Amino acid sequence: MSWLLAAALAVAIAAHVVIVVSIARRALWRAPLAVIIPPLAPYWGWQLGLRRRVLVWWAAVLLYALGTIVLAR
């Protein structure tokens, strides 16, 4: 189960980086803010039409949160 948690975290980080890079290509000033305040990345990504990437980000973050809750018990 812990490997799934690690994989979810890796996917979430990778998706975040991909979204931030995509945001930087369109609006450079938003990218540093999306790194400092992580929820801005999926918000701005959704607005810019990066819907699949945002859905991957959310799925990975939710899976990581669920896995953390399950392993904490």
PDB file of N, CA and C in Angstrom:
ATOM      1  N   MET A   1       0.815  -1.194   0.000  1.00  0.00           N
ATOM      2  CA  MET A   1       0.000   0.000   0.000  1.00  0.00           C
ATOM      3  C   MET A   1       0.864   1.265   0.000  1.00  0.00           C
ATOM      4  N   SER A   2       2.011   1.201   0.638  1.00  0.00           N
ATOM      5  CA  SER A   2       2.858   2.395   0.696  1.00  0.00           C
ATOM      6  C   SER A   2       3.433   2.747  -0.673  1.00  0.00           C
ATOM      7  N   TRP A   3       3.619   1.753  -1.541  1.00  0.00           N
ATOM      8  CA  TRP A   3       4.104   2.033  -2.897  1.00  0.00           C
ATOM      9  C   TRP A   3       3.062   2.825  -3.685  1.00  0.00           C
ATOM     10  N   LEU A   4       1.779   2.559  -3.411  1.00  0.00           N
ATOM     11  CA  LEU A   4       0.717   3.308  -4.074  1.00  0.00           C
ATOM     12  C   LEU A   4       0.724   4.762  -3.609  1.00  0.00           C
ATOM     13  N   LEU A   5       0.986   4.955  -2.340  1.00  0.00           N
ATOM     14  CA  LEU A   5       1.083   6.306  -1.784  1.00  0.00           C
ATOM     15  C   LEU A   5       2.253   7.063  -2.413  1.00  0.00           C
ATOM     16  N   ALA A   6       3.377   6.400  -2.532  1.00  0.00           N
ATOM     17  CA  ALA A   6       4.551   7.024  -3.153  1.00  0.00           C
ATOM     18  C   ALA A   6       4.292   7.328  -4.629  1.00  0.00           C
ATOM     19  N   ALA A   7       3.629   6.424  -5.322  1.00  0.00           N
ATOM     20  CA  ALA A   7       3.317   6.645  -6.735  1.00  0.00           C
ATOM     21  C   ALA A   7       2.348   7.809  -6.909  1.00  0.00           C
ATOM     22  N   ALA A   8       1.350   7.900  -6.040  1.00  0.00           N
ATOM     23  CA  ALA A   8       0.386   9.002  -6.109  1.00  0.00           C
ATOM     24  C   ALA A   8       1.089  10.336  -5.871  1.00  0.00           C
ATOM     25  N   LEU A   9       2.005  10.371  -4.921  1.00  0.00           N
ATOM     26  CA  LEU A   9       2.755  11.602  -4.659  1.00  0.00           C
ATOM     27  C   LEU A   9       3.623  11.974  -5.857  1.00  0.00           C
ATOM     28  N   ALA A  10       4.270  10.995  -6.457  1.00  0.00           N
ATOM     29  CA  ALA A  10       5.119  11.256  -7.623  1.00  0.00           C
ATOM     30  C   ALA A  10       4.294  11.783  -8.799  1.00  0.00           C
ATOM     31  N   VAL A  11       3.120  11.211  -9.014  1.00  0.00           N
ATOM     32  CA  VAL A  11       2.251  11.665 -10.103  1.00  0.00           C
ATOM     33  C   VAL A  11       1.746  13.077  -9.821  1.00  0.00           C
ATOM     34  N   ALA A  12       1.392  13.348  -8.562  1.00  0.00           N
ATOM     35  CA  ALA A  12       0.906  14.686  -8.198  1.00  0.00           C
ATOM     36  C   ALA A  12       1.993  15.740  -8.428  1.00  0.00           C
ATOM     37  N   ILE A  13       3.211  15.431  -8.037  1.00  0.00           N
ATOM     38  CA  ILE A  13       4.315  16.380  -8.230  1.00  0.00           C
ATOM     39  C   ILE A  13       4.594  16.568  -9.716  1.00  0.00           C
ATOM     40  N   ALA A  14       4.618  15.478 -10.462  1.00  0.00           N
ATOM     41  CA  ALA A  14       4.875  15.576 -11.907  1.00  0.00           C
ATOM     42  C   ALA A  14       3.774  16.374 -12.602  1.00  0.00           C
ATOM     43  N   ALA A  15       2.533  16.117 -12.237  1.00  0.00           N
ATOM     44  CA  ALA A  15       1.413  16.857 -12.843  1.00  0.00           C
ATOM     45  C   ALA A  15       1.507  18.335 -12.494  1.00  0.00           C
ATOM     46  N   HIS A  16       1.892  18.630 -11.266  1.00  0.00           N
ATOM     47  CA  HIS A  16       2.023  20.024 -10.847  1.00  0.00           C
ATOM     48  C   HIS A  16       3.102  20.732 -11.679  1.00  0.00           C
ATOM     49  N   VAL A  17       4.225  20.070 -11.864  1.00  0.00           N
ATOM     50  CA  VAL A  17       5.311  20.657 -12.653  1.00  0.00           C
ATOM     51  C   VAL A  17       4.865  20.887 -14.095  1.00  0.00           C
ATOM     52  N   VAL A  18       4.178  19.917 -14.673  1.00  0.00           N
ATOM     53  CA  VAL A  18       3.698  20.051 -16.055  1.00  0.00           C
ATOM     54  C   VAL A  18       2.712  21.207 -16.167  1.00  0.00           C
ATOM     55  N   ILE A  19       1.817  21.333 -15.205  1.00  0.00           N
ATOM     56  CA  ILE A  19       0.849  22.432 -15.239  1.00  0.00           C
ATOM     57  C   ILE A  19       1.554  23.776 -15.100  1.00  0.00           C
ATOM     58  N   VAL A  20       2.504  23.868 -14.178  1.00  0.00           N
ATOM     59  CA  VAL A  20       3.229  25.135 -13.977  1.00  0.00           C
ATOM     60  C   VAL A  20       4.005  25.519 -15.232  1.00  0.00           C
ATOM     61  N   VAL A  21       4.648  24.557 -15.876  1.00  0.00           N
ATOM     62  CA  VAL A  21       5.379  24.855 -17.112  1.00  0.00           C
ATOM     63  C   VAL A  21       4.413  25.311 -18.196  1.00  0.00           C
ATOM     64  N   SER A  22       3.268  24.658 -18.299  1.00  0.00           N
ATOM     65  CA  SER A  22       2.266  25.057 -19.294  1.00  0.00           C
ATOM     66  C   SER A  22       1.727  26.449 -19.009  1.00  0.00           C
ATOM     67  N   ILE A  23       1.533  26.764 -17.735  1.00  0.00           N
ATOM     68  CA  ILE A  23       1.081  28.111 -17.355  1.00  0.00           C
ATOM     69  C   ILE A  23       2.157  29.129 -17.708  1.00  0.00           C
ATOM     70  N   ALA A  24       3.418  28.785 -17.456  1.00  0.00           N
ATOM     71  CA  ALA A  24       4.528  29.715 -17.727  1.00  0.00           C
ATOM     72  C   ALA A  24       4.622  30.051 -19.213  1.00  0.00           C
ATOM     73  N   ARG A  25       4.270  29.110 -20.063  1.00  0.00           N
ATOM     74  CA  ARG A  25       4.310  29.371 -21.509  1.00  0.00           C
ATOM     75  C   ARG A  25       3.260  30.385 -21.937  1.00  0.00           C
ATOM     76  N   ARG A  26       2.191  30.482 -21.172  1.00  0.00           N
ATOM     77  CA  ARG A  26       1.098  31.386 -21.547  1.00  0.00           C
ATOM     78  C   ARG A  26       1.094  32.677 -20.749  1.00  0.00           C
ATOM     79  N   ALA A  27       1.385  32.588 -19.468  1.00  0.00           N
ATOM     80  CA  ALA A  27       1.389  33.770 -18.604  1.00  0.00           C
ATOM     81  C   ALA A  27       2.533  33.608 -17.607  1.00  0.00           C
ATOM     82  N   LEU A  28       3.697  34.120 -17.958  1.00  0.00           N
ATOM     83  CA  LEU A  28       4.913  33.887 -17.184  1.00  0.00           C
ATOM     84  C   LEU A  28       4.803  34.336 -15.734  1.00  0.00           C
ATOM     85  N   TRP A  29       4.083  35.398 -15.469  1.00  0.00           N
ATOM     86  CA  TRP A  29       4.017  35.920 -14.111  1.00  0.00           C
ATOM     87  C   TRP A  29       3.231  34.996 -13.167  1.00  0.00           C
ATOM     88  N   ARG A  30       2.384  34.150 -13.706  1.00  0.00           N
ATOM     89  CA  ARG A  30       1.588  33.263 -12.858  1.00  0.00           C
ATOM     90  C   ARG A  30       2.367  32.046 -12.359  1.00  0.00           C
ATOM     91  N   ALA A  31       3.372  31.630 -13.098  1.00  0.00           N
ATOM     92  CA  ALA A  31       4.096  30.403 -12.771  1.00  0.00           C
ATOM     93  C   ALA A  31       4.742  30.433 -11.377  1.00  0.00           C
ATOM     94  N   PRO A  32       5.476  31.486 -10.999  1.00  0.00           N
ATOM     95  CA  PRO A  32       6.056  31.484  -9.650  1.00  0.00           C
ATOM     96  C   PRO A  32       4.993  31.447  -8.546  1.00  0.00           C
ATOM     97  N   LEU A  33       3.884  32.102  -8.777  1.00  0.00           N
ATOM     98  CA  LEU A  33       2.805  32.056  -7.785  1.00  0.00           C
ATOM     99  C   LEU A  33       2.204  30.659  -7.680  1.00  0.00           C
ATOM    100  N   ALA A  34       2.092  29.965  -8.808  1.00  0.00           N
ATOM    101  CA  ALA A  34       1.547  28.610  -8.805  1.00  0.00           C
ATOM    102  C   ALA A  34       2.486  27.629  -8.099  1.00  0.00           C
ATOM    103  N   VAL A  35       3.777  27.941  -8.063  1.00  0.00           N
ATOM    104  CA  VAL A  35       4.722  27.098  -7.328  1.00  0.00           C
ATOM    105  C   VAL A  35       4.613  27.370  -5.833  1.00  0.00           C
ATOM    106  N   ILE A  36       4.504  28.631  -5.461  1.00  0.00           N
ATOM    107  CA  ILE A  36       4.439  29.014  -4.048  1.00  0.00           C
ATOM    108  C   ILE A  36       3.093  28.639  -3.422  1.00  0.00           C
ATOM    109  N   ILE A  37       2.015  28.838  -4.178  1.00  0.00           N
ATOM    110  CA  ILE A  37       0.660  28.539  -3.691  1.00  0.00           C
ATOM    111  C   ILE A  37       0.094  27.435  -4.600  1.00  0.00           C
ATOM    112  N   PRO A  38       0.326  26.157  -4.249  1.00  0.00           N
ATOM    113  CA  PRO A  38      -0.017  25.043  -5.135  1.00  0.00           C
ATOM    114  C   PRO A  38      -1.457  24.992  -5.660  1.00  0.00           C
ATOM    115  N   PRO A  39      -2.495  25.364  -4.895  1.00  0.00           N
ATOM    116  CA  PRO A  39      -3.848  25.279  -5.469  1.00  0.00           C
ATOM    117  C   PRO A  39      -4.092  26.234  -6.643  1.00  0.00           C
ATOM    118  N   LEU A  40      -3.228  27.204  -6.836  1.00  0.00           N
ATOM    119  CA  LEU A  40      -3.400  28.099  -7.976  1.00  0.00           C
ATOM    120  C   LEU A  40      -3.103  27.397  -9.300  1.00  0.00           C
ATOM    121  N   ALA A  41      -2.235  26.400  -9.282  1.00  0.00           N
ATOM    122  CA  ALA A  41      -1.879  25.703 -10.519  1.00  0.00           C
ATOM    123  C   ALA A  41      -3.094  25.037 -11.162  1.00  0.00           C
ATOM    124  N   PRO A  42      -3.852  24.210 -10.441  1.00  0.00           N
ATOM    125  CA  PRO A  42      -5.018  23.615 -11.108  1.00  0.00           C
ATOM    126  C   PRO A  42      -6.102  24.641 -11.432  1.00  0.00           C
ATOM    127  N   TYR A  43      -6.221  25.668 -10.617  1.00  0.00           N
ATOM    128  CA  TYR A  43      -7.223  26.709 -10.876  1.00  0.00           C
ATOM    129  C   TYR A  43      -6.923  27.432 -12.186  1.00  0.00           C
ATOM    130  N   TRP A  44      -5.705  27.923 -12.323  1.00  0.00           N
ATOM    131  CA  TRP A  44      -5.314  28.626 -13.546  1.00  0.00           C
ATOM    132  C   TRP A  44      -5.213  27.658 -14.720  1.00  0.00           C
ATOM    133  N   GLY A  45      -4.781  26.422 -14.448  1.00  0.00           N
ATOM    134  CA  GLY A  45      -4.712  25.429 -15.505  1.00  0.00           C
ATOM    135  C   GLY A  45      -6.081  25.146 -16.101  1.00  0.00           C
ATOM    136  N   TRP A  46      -7.081  25.054 -15.250  1.00  0.00           N
ATOM    137  CA  TRP A  46      -8.446  24.827 -15.725  1.00  0.00           C
ATOM    138  C   TRP A  46      -8.910  26.003 -16.589  1.00  0.00           C
ATOM    139  N   GLN A  47      -8.605  27.213 -16.141  1.00  0.00           N
ATOM    140  CA  GLN A  47      -8.989  28.407 -16.899  1.00  0.00           C
ATOM    141  C   GLN A  47      -8.305  28.464 -18.259  1.00  0.00           C
ATOM    142  N   LEU A  48      -7.092  27.947 -18.341  1.00  0.00           N
ATOM    143  CA  LEU A  48      -6.333  27.974 -19.590  1.00  0.00           C
ATOM    144  C   LEU A  48      -6.630  26.774 -20.495  1.00  0.00           C
ATOM    145  N   GLY A  49      -7.549  25.910 -20.073  1.00  0.00           N
ATOM    146  CA  GLY A  49      -7.931  24.778 -20.900  1.00  0.00           C
ATOM    147  C   GLY A  49      -7.085  23.534 -20.726  1.00  0.00           C
ATOM    148  N   LEU A  50      -6.339  23.450 -19.648  1.00  0.00           N
ATOM    149  CA  LEU A  50      -5.495  22.283 -19.374  1.00  0.00           C
ATOM    150  C   LEU A  50      -6.278  21.264 -18.548  1.00  0.00           C
ATOM    151  N   ARG A  51      -7.454  20.942 -18.989  1.00  0.00           N
ATOM    152  CA  ARG A  51      -8.400  20.159 -18.198  1.00  0.00           C
ATOM    153  C   ARG A  51      -7.895  18.749 -17.847  1.00  0.00           C
ATOM    154  N   ARG A  52      -7.319  18.041 -18.799  1.00  0.00           N
ATOM    155  CA  ARG A  52      -6.834  16.680 -18.518  1.00  0.00           C
ATOM    156  C   ARG A  52      -5.711  16.703 -17.487  1.00  0.00           C
ATOM    157  N   ARG A  53      -4.820  17.655 -17.626  1.00  0.00           N
ATOM    158  CA  ARG A  53      -3.707  17.750 -16.671  1.00  0.00           C
ATOM    159  C   ARG A  53      -4.225  18.073 -15.280  1.00  0.00           C
ATOM    160  N   VAL A  54      -5.210  18.940 -15.211  1.00  0.00           N
ATOM    161  CA  VAL A  54      -5.789  19.295 -13.911  1.00  0.00           C
ATOM    162  C   VAL A  54      -6.503  18.091 -13.309  1.00  0.00           C
ATOM    163  N   LEU A  55      -7.207  17.323 -14.117  1.00  0.00           N
ATOM    164  CA  LEU A  55      -7.892  16.134 -13.605  1.00  0.00           C
ATOM    165  C   LEU A  55      -6.897  15.097 -13.091  1.00  0.00           C
ATOM    166  N   VAL A  56      -5.767  14.954 -13.774  1.00  0.00           N
ATOM    167  CA  VAL A  56      -4.710  14.051 -13.289  1.00  0.00           C
ATOM    168  C   VAL A  56      -4.170  14.560 -11.961  1.00  0.00           C
ATOM    169  N   TRP A  57      -3.955  15.868 -11.857  1.00  0.00           N
ATOM    170  CA  TRP A  57      -3.458  16.480 -10.618  1.00  0.00           C
ATOM    171  C   TRP A  57      -4.425  16.177  -9.465  1.00  0.00           C
ATOM    172  N   TRP A  58      -5.714  16.443  -9.693  1.00  0.00           N
ATOM    173  CA  TRP A  58      -6.716  16.209  -8.641  1.00  0.00           C
ATOM    174  C   TRP A  58      -6.812  14.740  -8.263  1.00  0.00           C
ATOM    175  N   ALA A  59      -6.803  13.856  -9.251  1.00  0.00           N
ATOM    176  CA  ALA A  59      -6.892  12.423  -8.960  1.00  0.00           C
ATOM    177  C   ALA A  59      -5.702  11.971  -8.117  1.00  0.00           C
ATOM    178  N   ALA A  60      -4.513  12.423  -8.452  1.00  0.00           N
ATOM    179  CA  ALA A  60      -3.318  12.035  -7.703  1.00  0.00           C
ATOM    180  C   ALA A  60      -3.340  12.599  -6.290  1.00  0.00           C
ATOM    181  N   VAL A  61      -3.756  13.851  -6.149  1.00  0.00           N
ATOM    182  CA  VAL A  61      -3.806  14.461  -4.817  1.00  0.00           C
ATOM    183  C   VAL A  61      -4.853  13.762  -3.944  1.00  0.00           C
ATOM    184  N   LEU A  62      -6.009  13.460  -4.520  1.00  0.00           N
ATOM    185  CA  LEU A  62      -7.051  12.766  -3.750  1.00  0.00           C
ATOM    186  C   LEU A  62      -6.630  11.350  -3.385  1.00  0.00           C
ATOM    187  N   LEU A  63      -5.986  10.650  -4.311  1.00  0.00           N
ATOM    188  CA  LEU A  63      -5.491   9.312  -4.004  1.00  0.00           C
ATOM    189  C   LEU A  63      -4.422   9.364  -2.916  1.00  0.00           C
ATOM    190  N   TYR A  64      -3.553  10.349  -2.977  1.00  0.00           N
ATOM    191  CA  TYR A  64      -2.531  10.504  -1.940  1.00  0.00           C
ATOM    192  C   TYR A  64      -3.169  10.794  -0.581  1.00  0.00           C
ATOM    193  N   ALA A  65      -4.149  11.681  -0.553  1.00  0.00           N
ATOM    194  CA  ALA A  65      -4.827  12.007   0.703  1.00  0.00           C
ATOM    195  C   ALA A  65      -5.548  10.774   1.268  1.00  0.00           C
ATOM    196  N   LEU A  66      -6.245  10.052   0.413  1.00  0.00           N
ATOM    197  CA  LEU A  66      -6.936   8.846   0.859  1.00  0.00           C
ATOM    198  C   LEU A  66      -5.955   7.810   1.374  1.00  0.00           C
ATOM    199  N   GLY A  67      -4.863   7.629   0.658  1.00  0.00           N
ATOM    200  CA  GLY A  67      -3.841   6.676   1.106  1.00  0.00           C
ATOM    201  C   GLY A  67      -3.219   7.064   2.435  1.00  0.00           C
ATOM    202  N   THR A  68      -3.012   8.351   2.638  1.00  0.00           N
ATOM    203  CA  THR A  68      -2.464   8.823   3.906  1.00  0.00           C
ATOM    204  C   THR A  68      -3.428   8.545   5.048  1.00  0.00           C
ATOM    205  N   ILE A  69      -4.707   8.754   4.812  1.00  0.00           N
ATOM    206  CA  ILE A  69      -5.722   8.492   5.832  1.00  0.00           C
ATOM    207  C   ILE A  69      -5.773   6.999   6.160  1.00  0.00           C
ATOM    208  N   VAL A  70      -5.742   6.157   5.144  1.00  0.00           N
ATOM    209  CA  VAL A  70      -5.814   4.720   5.360  1.00  0.00           C
ATOM    210  C   VAL A  70      -4.579   4.222   6.111  1.00  0.00           C
ATOM    211  N   LEU A  71      -3.405   4.695   5.734  1.00  0.00           N
ATOM    212  CA  LEU A  71      -2.176   4.239   6.396  1.00  0.00           C
ATOM    213  C   LEU A  71      -2.031   4.799   7.801  1.00  0.00           C
ATOM    214  N   ALA A  72      -2.717   5.875   8.114  1.00  0.00           N
ATOM    215  CA  ALA A  72      -2.612   6.454   9.450  1.00  0.00           C
ATOM    216  C   ALA A  72      -3.405   5.645  10.492  1.00  0.00           C
ATOM    217  N   ARG A  73      -4.289   4.826  10.023  1.00  0.00           N
ATOM    218  CA  ARG A  73      -5.136   4.041  10.958  1.00  0.00           C
ATOM    219  C   ARG A  73      -4.412   2.847  11.483  1.00  0.00           C
TER     220      ARG A  73
END
